[in-house]
């Protein structure tokens, strides 16, 4: 598994985890399943902070994967140019 694929996978997982945490925080805010989250000692603030952290990790992973992909493009072009020059 390459770096690009791994970073993209991390970005995708944290994106969905962030939305799940945000939805759970909304349920607690609407007093739906409040007892469940209080039993786990999860407040609205904790769920919101978790969603923000997940979204930040998602953005960082996607930006790094994009930068890594842009770095690979010139390498591929240079090896193609070398092959053409050698022929």
PDB file of N, CA and C in Angstrom:
ATOM      1  N   UNK A   1       0.853  -1.170   0.000  1.00  0.00           N
ATOM      2  CA  UNK A   1       0.000   0.000   0.000  1.00  0.00           C
ATOM      3  C   UNK A   1       0.900   1.235   0.000  1.00  0.00           C
ATOM      4  N   UNK A   2       0.728   2.086  -0.990  1.00  0.00           N
ATOM      5  CA  UNK A   2       1.562   3.266  -1.132  1.00  0.00           C
ATOM      6  C   UNK A   2       1.175   4.383  -0.178  1.00  0.00           C
ATOM      7  N   UNK A   3       2.031   5.402  -0.121  1.00  0.00           N
ATOM      8  CA  UNK A   3       1.776   6.531   0.772  1.00  0.00           C
ATOM      9  C   UNK A   3       0.507   7.270   0.384  1.00  0.00           C
ATOM     10  N   UNK A   4       0.317   7.469  -0.915  1.00  0.00           N
ATOM     11  CA  UNK A   4      -0.869   8.185  -1.378  1.00  0.00           C
ATOM     12  C   UNK A   4      -2.142   7.448  -0.976  1.00  0.00           C
ATOM     13  N   UNK A   5      -2.168   6.154  -1.187  1.00  0.00           N
ATOM     14  CA  UNK A   5      -3.358   5.357  -0.863  1.00  0.00           C
ATOM     15  C   UNK A   5      -3.609   5.363   0.640  1.00  0.00           C
ATOM     16  N   UNK A   6      -2.551   5.241   1.422  1.00  0.00           N
ATOM     17  CA  UNK A   6      -2.686   5.236   2.879  1.00  0.00           C
ATOM     18  C   UNK A   6      -3.213   6.573   3.393  1.00  0.00           C
ATOM     19  N   UNK A   7      -2.665   7.679   2.895  1.00  0.00           N
ATOM     20  CA  UNK A   7      -3.134   8.997   3.317  1.00  0.00           C
ATOM     21  C   UNK A   7      -4.575   9.239   2.887  1.00  0.00           C
ATOM     22  N   UNK A   8      -4.921   8.791   1.696  1.00  0.00           N
ATOM     23  CA  UNK A   8      -6.290   8.947   1.226  1.00  0.00           C
ATOM     24  C   UNK A   8      -7.254   8.126   2.077  1.00  0.00           C
ATOM     25  N   UNK A   9      -6.853   6.932   2.476  1.00  0.00           N
ATOM     26  CA  UNK A   9      -7.682   6.083   3.330  1.00  0.00           C
ATOM     27  C   UNK A   9      -7.882   6.721   4.704  1.00  0.00           C
ATOM     28  N   UNK A  10      -6.821   7.269   5.278  1.00  0.00           N
ATOM     29  CA  UNK A  10      -6.930   7.945   6.576  1.00  0.00           C
ATOM     30  C   UNK A  10      -7.873   9.134   6.466  1.00  0.00           C
ATOM     31  N   UNK A  11      -7.737   9.891   5.385  1.00  0.00           N
ATOM     32  CA  UNK A  11      -8.625  11.031   5.179  1.00  0.00           C
ATOM     33  C   UNK A  11     -10.077  10.626   5.074  1.00  0.00           C
ATOM     34  N   UNK A  12     -10.331   9.547   4.361  1.00  0.00           N
ATOM     35  CA  UNK A  12     -11.704   9.088   4.182  1.00  0.00           C
ATOM     36  C   UNK A  12     -12.299   8.569   5.497  1.00  0.00           C
ATOM     37  N   UNK A  13     -11.526   7.801   6.255  1.00  0.00           N
ATOM     38  CA  UNK A  13     -12.022   7.246   7.521  1.00  0.00           C
ATOM     39  C   UNK A  13     -12.313   8.358   8.519  1.00  0.00           C
ATOM     40  N   UNK A  14     -11.384   9.318   8.651  1.00  0.00           N
ATOM     41  CA  UNK A  14     -11.605  10.401   9.613  1.00  0.00           C
ATOM     42  C   UNK A  14     -12.736  11.319   9.176  1.00  0.00           C
ATOM     43  N   UNK A  15     -12.959  11.455   7.876  1.00  0.00           N
ATOM     44  CA  UNK A  15     -14.085  12.256   7.392  1.00  0.00           C
ATOM     45  C   UNK A  15     -15.404  11.662   7.875  1.00  0.00           C
ATOM     46  N   UNK A  16     -15.573  10.360   7.676  1.00  0.00           N
ATOM     47  CA  UNK A  16     -16.813   9.722   8.100  1.00  0.00           C
ATOM     48  C   UNK A  16     -16.927   9.650   9.623  1.00  0.00           C
ATOM     49  N   UNK A  17     -15.815   9.455  10.320  1.00  0.00           N
ATOM     50  CA  UNK A  17     -15.850   9.454  11.796  1.00  0.00           C
ATOM     51  C   UNK A  17     -16.266  10.829  12.313  1.00  0.00           C
ATOM     52  N   UNK A  18     -15.805  11.880  11.659  1.00  0.00           N
ATOM     53  CA  UNK A  18     -16.201  13.233  12.052  1.00  0.00           C
ATOM     54  C   UNK A  18     -17.691  13.458  11.885  1.00  0.00           C
ATOM     55  N   UNK A  19     -18.259  12.995  10.781  1.00  0.00           N
ATOM     56  CA  UNK A  19     -19.699  13.150  10.571  1.00  0.00           C
ATOM     57  C   UNK A  19     -20.501  12.324  11.570  1.00  0.00           C
ATOM     58  N   UNK A  20     -20.009  11.140  11.900  1.00  0.00           N
ATOM     59  CA  UNK A  20     -20.709  10.305  12.891  1.00  0.00           C
ATOM     60  C   UNK A  20     -20.690  10.980  14.252  1.00  0.00           C
ATOM     61  N   UNK A  21     -19.529  11.531  14.646  1.00  0.00           N
ATOM     62  CA  UNK A  21     -19.437  12.223  15.936  1.00  0.00           C
ATOM     63  C   UNK A  21     -20.338  13.453  15.952  1.00  0.00           C
ATOM     64  N   UNK A  22     -20.407  14.170  14.832  1.00  0.00           N
ATOM     65  CA  UNK A  22     -21.265  15.351  14.749  1.00  0.00           C
ATOM     66  C   UNK A  22     -22.739  14.967  14.839  1.00  0.00           C
ATOM     67  N   UNK A  23     -23.118  13.879  14.197  1.00  0.00           N
ATOM     68  CA  UNK A  23     -24.505  13.410  14.266  1.00  0.00           C
ATOM     69  C   UNK A  23     -24.859  12.955  15.682  1.00  0.00           C
ATOM     70  N   UNK A  24     -23.927  12.290  16.345  1.00  0.00           N
ATOM     71  CA  UNK A  24     -24.167  11.862  17.737  1.00  0.00           C
ATOM     72  C   UNK A  24     -24.329  13.069  18.648  1.00  0.00           C
ATOM     73  N   UNK A  25     -23.524  14.110  18.433  1.00  0.00           N
ATOM     74  CA  UNK A  25     -23.668  15.341  19.213  1.00  0.00           C
ATOM     75  C   UNK A  25     -25.020  15.986  18.990  1.00  0.00           C
ATOM     76  N   UNK A  26     -25.523  15.922  17.742  1.00  0.00           N
ATOM     77  CA  UNK A  26     -26.860  16.441  17.452  1.00  0.00           C
ATOM     78  C   UNK A  26     -27.937  15.645  18.161  1.00  0.00           C
ATOM     79  N   UNK A  27     -27.766  14.329  18.226  1.00  0.00           N
ATOM     80  CA  UNK A  27     -28.738  13.497  18.946  1.00  0.00           C
ATOM     81  C   UNK A  27     -28.764  13.842  20.430  1.00  0.00           C
ATOM     82  N   UNK A  28     -27.602  14.078  21.016  1.00  0.00           N
ATOM     83  CA  UNK A  28     -27.541  14.451  22.433  1.00  0.00           C
ATOM     84  C   UNK A  28     -28.194  15.816  22.626  1.00  0.00           C
ATOM     85  N   UNK A  29     -27.956  16.736  21.702  1.00  0.00           N
ATOM     86  CA  UNK A  29     -28.550  18.071  21.800  1.00  0.00           C
ATOM     87  C   UNK A  29     -30.073  18.013  21.743  1.00  0.00           C
ATOM     88  N   UNK A  30     -30.613  17.096  20.960  1.00  0.00           N
ATOM     89  CA  UNK A  30     -32.063  16.947  20.839  1.00  0.00           C
ATOM     90  C   UNK A  30     -32.649  16.014  21.896  1.00  0.00           C
ATOM     91  N   UNK A  31     -31.850  15.649  22.880  1.00  0.00           N
ATOM     92  CA  UNK A  31     -32.258  14.761  23.979  1.00  0.00           C
ATOM     93  C   UNK A  31     -32.648  13.371  23.493  1.00  0.00           C
ATOM     94  N   UNK A  32     -32.125  12.960  22.369  1.00  0.00           N
ATOM     95  CA  UNK A  32     -32.324  11.598  21.876  1.00  0.00           C
ATOM     96  C   UNK A  32     -31.052  10.836  22.224  1.00  0.00           C
ATOM     97  N   UNK A  33     -31.172   9.738  22.885  1.00  0.00           N
ATOM     98  CA  UNK A  33     -30.045   8.891  23.291  1.00  0.00           C
ATOM     99  C   UNK A  33     -29.105   9.593  24.260  1.00  0.00           C
ATOM    100  N   UNK A  34     -29.618  10.557  25.016  1.00  0.00           N
ATOM    101  CA  UNK A  34     -28.781  11.261  25.998  1.00  0.00           C
ATOM    102  C   UNK A  34     -28.259  10.301  27.066  1.00  0.00           C
ATOM    103  N   UNK A  35     -29.110   9.371  27.504  1.00  0.00           N
ATOM    104  CA  UNK A  35     -28.698   8.428  28.553  1.00  0.00           C
ATOM    105  C   UNK A  35     -27.536   7.555  28.080  1.00  0.00           C
ATOM    106  N   UNK A  36     -27.568   7.167  26.804  1.00  0.00           N
ATOM    107  CA  UNK A  36     -26.499   6.330  26.265  1.00  0.00           C
ATOM    108  C   UNK A  36     -25.161   7.065  26.304  1.00  0.00           C
ATOM    109  N   UNK A  37     -25.142   8.307  25.848  1.00  0.00           N
ATOM    110  CA  UNK A  37     -23.888   9.051  25.814  1.00  0.00           C
ATOM    111  C   UNK A  37     -23.445   9.496  27.202  1.00  0.00           C
ATOM    112  N   UNK A  38     -24.386   9.746  28.109  1.00  0.00           N
ATOM    113  CA  UNK A  38     -24.003  10.067  29.485  1.00  0.00           C
ATOM    114  C   UNK A  38     -23.413   8.842  30.180  1.00  0.00           C
ATOM    115  N   UNK A  39     -23.904   7.649  29.850  1.00  0.00           N
ATOM    116  CA  UNK A  39     -23.339   6.420  30.415  1.00  0.00           C
ATOM    117  C   UNK A  39     -21.894   6.222  29.951  1.00  0.00           C
ATOM    118  N   UNK A  40     -21.574   6.709  28.746  1.00  0.00           N
ATOM    119  CA  UNK A  40     -20.205   6.628  28.232  1.00  0.00           C
ATOM    120  C   UNK A  40     -19.382   7.854  28.615  1.00  0.00           C
ATOM    121  N   UNK A  41     -19.961   8.750  29.399  1.00  0.00           N
ATOM    122  CA  UNK A  41     -19.316  10.004  29.813  1.00  0.00           C
ATOM    123  C   UNK A  41     -18.929  10.869  28.618  1.00  0.00           C
ATOM    124  N   UNK A  42     -19.815  10.935  27.638  1.00  0.00           N
ATOM    125  CA  UNK A  42     -19.590  11.763  26.456  1.00  0.00           C
ATOM    126  C   UNK A  42     -20.575  12.922  26.480  1.00  0.00           C
ATOM    127  N   UNK A  43     -20.061  14.130  26.552  1.00  0.00           N
ATOM    128  CA  UNK A  43     -20.937  15.299  26.514  1.00  0.00           C
ATOM    129  C   UNK A  43     -21.018  15.834  25.084  1.00  0.00           C
ATOM    130  N   UNK A  44     -21.887  16.828  24.882  1.00  0.00           N
ATOM    131  CA  UNK A  44     -21.988  17.447  23.554  1.00  0.00           C
ATOM    132  C   UNK A  44     -20.655  18.059  23.141  1.00  0.00           C
ATOM    133  N   UNK A  45     -19.993  18.676  24.105  1.00  0.00           N
ATOM    134  CA  UNK A  45     -18.716  19.326  23.804  1.00  0.00           C
ATOM    135  C   UNK A  45     -17.658  18.318  23.374  1.00  0.00           C
ATOM    136  N   UNK A  46     -17.600  17.161  24.080  1.00  0.00           N
ATOM    137  CA  UNK A  46     -16.634  16.125  23.703  1.00  0.00           C
ATOM    138  C   UNK A  46     -16.890  15.607  22.294  1.00  0.00           C
ATOM    139  N   UNK A  47     -18.151  15.402  21.955  1.00  0.00           N
ATOM    140  CA  UNK A  47     -18.491  14.916  20.623  1.00  0.00           C
ATOM    141  C   UNK A  47     -18.161  15.962  19.557  1.00  0.00           C
ATOM    142  N   UNK A  48     -18.419  17.239  19.868  1.00  0.00           N
ATOM    143  CA  UNK A  48     -18.085  18.308  18.926  1.00  0.00           C
ATOM    144  C   UNK A  48     -16.576  18.404  18.723  1.00  0.00           C
ATOM    145  N   UNK A  49     -15.826  18.336  19.826  1.00  0.00           N
ATOM    146  CA  UNK A  49     -14.366  18.401  19.715  1.00  0.00           C
ATOM    147  C   UNK A  49     -13.816  17.217  18.927  1.00  0.00           C
ATOM    148  N   UNK A  50     -14.386  16.048  19.118  1.00  0.00           N
ATOM    149  CA  UNK A  50     -13.978  14.869  18.353  1.00  0.00           C
ATOM    150  C   UNK A  50     -14.235  15.063  16.865  1.00  0.00           C
ATOM    151  N   UNK A  51     -15.387  15.622  16.525  1.00  0.00           N
ATOM    152  CA  UNK A  51     -15.694  15.837  15.111  1.00  0.00           C
ATOM    153  C   UNK A  51     -14.753  16.864  14.498  1.00  0.00           C
ATOM    154  N   UNK A  52     -14.410  17.929  15.235  1.00  0.00           N
ATOM    155  CA  UNK A  52     -13.483  18.938  14.717  1.00  0.00           C
ATOM    156  C   UNK A  52     -12.102  18.332  14.495  1.00  0.00           C
ATOM    157  N   UNK A  53     -11.634  17.539  15.434  1.00  0.00           N
ATOM    158  CA  UNK A  53     -10.321  16.902  15.292  1.00  0.00           C
ATOM    159  C   UNK A  53     -10.317  15.946  14.104  1.00  0.00           C
ATOM    160  N   UNK A  54     -11.373  15.184  13.931  1.00  0.00           N
ATOM    161  CA  UNK A  54     -11.453  14.264  12.795  1.00  0.00           C
ATOM    162  C   UNK A  54     -11.424  15.020  11.474  1.00  0.00           C
ATOM    163  N   UNK A  55     -12.156  16.141  11.396  1.00  0.00           N
ATOM    164  CA  UNK A  55     -12.153  16.917  10.158  1.00  0.00           C
ATOM    165  C   UNK A  55     -10.781  17.536   9.897  1.00  0.00           C
ATOM    166  N   UNK A  56     -10.088  17.980  10.937  1.00  0.00           N
ATOM    167  CA  UNK A  56      -8.745  18.535  10.755  1.00  0.00           C
ATOM    168  C   UNK A  56      -7.762  17.470  10.263  1.00  0.00           C
ATOM    169  N   UNK A  57      -7.846  16.281  10.827  1.00  0.00           N
ATOM    170  CA  UNK A  57      -6.979  15.186  10.378  1.00  0.00           C
ATOM    171  C   UNK A  57      -7.313  14.833   8.934  1.00  0.00           C
ATOM    172  N   UNK A  58      -8.596  14.831   8.601  1.00  0.00           N
ATOM    173  CA  UNK A  58      -9.024  14.537   7.227  1.00  0.00           C
ATOM    174  C   UNK A  58      -8.441  15.547   6.250  1.00  0.00           C
ATOM    175  N   UNK A  59      -8.536  16.822   6.571  1.00  0.00           N
ATOM    176  CA  UNK A  59      -8.026  17.865   5.682  1.00  0.00           C
ATOM    177  C   UNK A  59      -6.517  17.748   5.535  1.00  0.00           C
ATOM    178  N   UNK A  60      -5.812  17.534   6.639  1.00  0.00           N
ATOM    179  CA  UNK A  60      -4.353  17.412   6.584  1.00  0.00           C
ATOM    180  C   UNK A  60      -3.926  16.206   5.752  1.00  0.00           C
ATOM    181  N   UNK A  61      -4.613  15.086   5.911  1.00  0.00           N
ATOM    182  CA  UNK A  61      -4.265  13.878   5.158  1.00  0.00           C
ATOM    183  C   UNK A  61      -4.511  14.068   3.667  1.00  0.00           C
ATOM    184  N   UNK A  62      -5.638  14.679   3.325  1.00  0.00           N
ATOM    185  CA  UNK A  62      -5.948  14.888   1.910  1.00  0.00           C
ATOM    186  C   UNK A  62      -4.980  15.879   1.268  1.00  0.00           C
ATOM    187  N   UNK A  63      -4.617  16.944   1.990  1.00  0.00           N
ATOM    188  CA  UNK A  63      -3.655  17.906   1.441  1.00  0.00           C
ATOM    189  C   UNK A  63      -2.285  17.271   1.255  1.00  0.00           C
ATOM    190  N   UNK A  64      -1.871  16.461   2.200  1.00  0.00           N
ATOM    191  CA  UNK A  64      -0.568  15.790   2.089  1.00  0.00           C
ATOM    192  C   UNK A  64      -0.588  14.788   0.933  1.00  0.00           C
ATOM    193  N   UNK A  65      -1.687  14.066   0.777  1.00  0.00           N
ATOM    194  CA  UNK A  65      -1.790  13.117  -0.331  1.00  0.00           C
ATOM    195  C   UNK A  65      -1.758  13.857  -1.663  1.00  0.00           C
ATOM    196  N   UNK A  66      -2.401  15.009  -1.739  1.00  0.00           N
ATOM    197  CA  UNK A  66      -2.394  15.800  -2.962  1.00  0.00           C
ATOM    198  C   UNK A  66      -0.984  16.297  -3.275  1.00  0.00           C
ATOM    199  N   UNK A  67      -0.267  16.764  -2.240  1.00  0.00           N
ATOM    200  CA  UNK A  67       1.103  17.226  -2.442  1.00  0.00           C
ATOM    201  C   UNK A  67       2.000  16.070  -2.870  1.00  0.00           C
ATOM    202  N   UNK A  68       1.799  14.905  -2.285  1.00  0.00           N
ATOM    203  CA  UNK A  68       2.601  13.729  -2.634  1.00  0.00           C
ATOM    204  C   UNK A  68       2.342  13.321  -4.084  1.00  0.00           C
ATOM    205  N   UNK A  69       1.098  13.392  -4.512  1.00  0.00           N
ATOM    206  CA  UNK A  69       0.764  13.027  -5.885  1.00  0.00           C
ATOM    207  C   UNK A  69       1.380  14.022  -6.868  1.00  0.00           C
ATOM    208  N   UNK A  70       1.388  15.307  -6.527  1.00  0.00           N
ATOM    209  CA  UNK A  70       1.994  16.313  -7.402  1.00  0.00           C
ATOM    210  C   UNK A  70       3.504  16.137  -7.487  1.00  0.00           C
ATOM    211  N   UNK A  71       4.132  15.639  -6.419  1.00  0.00           N
ATOM    212  CA  UNK A  71       5.568  15.390  -6.436  1.00  0.00           C
ATOM    213  C   UNK A  71       5.913  14.204  -7.335  1.00  0.00           C
ATOM    214  N   UNK A  72       5.016  13.229  -7.421  1.00  0.00           N
ATOM    215  CA  UNK A  72       5.280  12.036  -8.226  1.00  0.00           C
ATOM    216  C   UNK A  72       5.147  12.311  -9.719  1.00  0.00           C
ATOM    217  N   UNK A  73       4.348  13.266 -10.118  1.00  0.00           N
ATOM    218  CA  UNK A  73       4.111  13.545 -11.532  1.00  0.00           C
ATOM    219  C   UNK A  73       5.401  13.968 -12.248  1.00  0.00           C
ATOM    220  N   UNK A  74       6.200  14.924 -11.718  1.00  0.00           N
ATOM    221  CA  UNK A  74       7.433  15.275 -12.424  1.00  0.00           C
ATOM    222  C   UNK A  74       8.413  14.106 -12.526  1.00  0.00           C
ATOM    223  N   UNK A  75       8.478  13.237 -11.527  1.00  0.00           N
ATOM    224  CA  UNK A  75       9.367  12.072 -11.594  1.00  0.00           C
ATOM    225  C   UNK A  75       8.975  11.166 -12.747  1.00  0.00           C
ATOM    226  N   UNK A  76       7.682  10.924 -12.891  1.00  0.00           N
ATOM    227  CA  UNK A  76       7.207  10.063 -13.973  1.00  0.00           C
ATOM    228  C   UNK A  76       7.503  10.702 -15.319  1.00  0.00           C
ATOM    229  N   UNK A  77       7.341  12.002 -15.412  1.00  0.00           N
ATOM    230  CA  UNK A  77       7.605  12.686 -16.668  1.00  0.00           C
ATOM    231  C   UNK A  77       9.091  12.646 -17.004  1.00  0.00           C
ATOM    232  N   UNK A  78       9.950  12.776 -15.985  1.00  0.00           N
ATOM    233  CA  UNK A  78      11.386  12.762 -16.254  1.00  0.00           C
ATOM    234  C   UNK A  78      11.860  11.378 -16.686  1.00  0.00           C
ATOM    235  N   UNK A  79      11.303  10.316 -16.117  1.00  0.00           N
ATOM    236  CA  UNK A  79      11.715   8.973 -16.541  1.00  0.00           C
ATOM    237  C   UNK A  79      11.204   8.686 -17.950  1.00  0.00           C
ATOM    238  N   UNK A  80      10.029   9.196 -18.288  1.00  0.00           N
ATOM    239  CA  UNK A  80       9.505   9.017 -19.645  1.00  0.00           C
ATOM    240  C   UNK A  80      10.385   9.770 -20.639  1.00  0.00           C
ATOM    241  N   UNK A  81      10.796  10.975 -20.274  1.00  0.00           N
ATOM    242  CA  UNK A  81      11.656  11.764 -21.157  1.00  0.00           C
ATOM    243  C   UNK A  81      13.010  11.082 -21.335  1.00  0.00           C
ATOM    244  N   UNK A  82      13.536  10.473 -20.278  1.00  0.00           N
ATOM    245  CA  UNK A  82      14.818   9.764 -20.373  1.00  0.00           C
ATOM    246  C   UNK A  82      14.702   8.561 -21.305  1.00  0.00           C
ATOM    247  N   UNK A  83      13.591   7.832 -21.199  1.00  0.00           N
ATOM    248  CA  UNK A  83      13.383   6.665 -22.059  1.00  0.00           C
ATOM    249  C   UNK A  83      13.294   7.095 -23.529  1.00  0.00           C
ATOM    250  N   UNK A  84      12.607   8.190 -23.771  1.00  0.00           N
ATOM    251  CA  UNK A  84      12.471   8.667 -25.146  1.00  0.00           C
ATOM    252  C   UNK A  84      13.805   9.152 -25.688  1.00  0.00           C
ATOM    253  N   UNK A  85      14.602   9.784 -24.838  1.00  0.00           N
ATOM    254  CA  UNK A  85      15.912  10.268 -25.263  1.00  0.00           C
ATOM    255  C   UNK A  85      16.857   9.099 -25.547  1.00  0.00           C
ATOM    256  N   UNK A  86      16.733   8.017 -24.779  1.00  0.00           N
ATOM    257  CA  UNK A  86      17.605   6.867 -24.967  1.00  0.00           C
ATOM    258  C   UNK A  86      17.247   6.102 -26.246  1.00  0.00           C
ATOM    259  N   UNK A  87      16.005   6.199 -26.656  1.00  0.00           N
ATOM    260  CA  UNK A  87      15.574   5.451 -27.851  1.00  0.00           C
ATOM    261  C   UNK A  87      15.975   6.143 -29.092  1.00  0.00           C
TER     262      UNK A  87
END
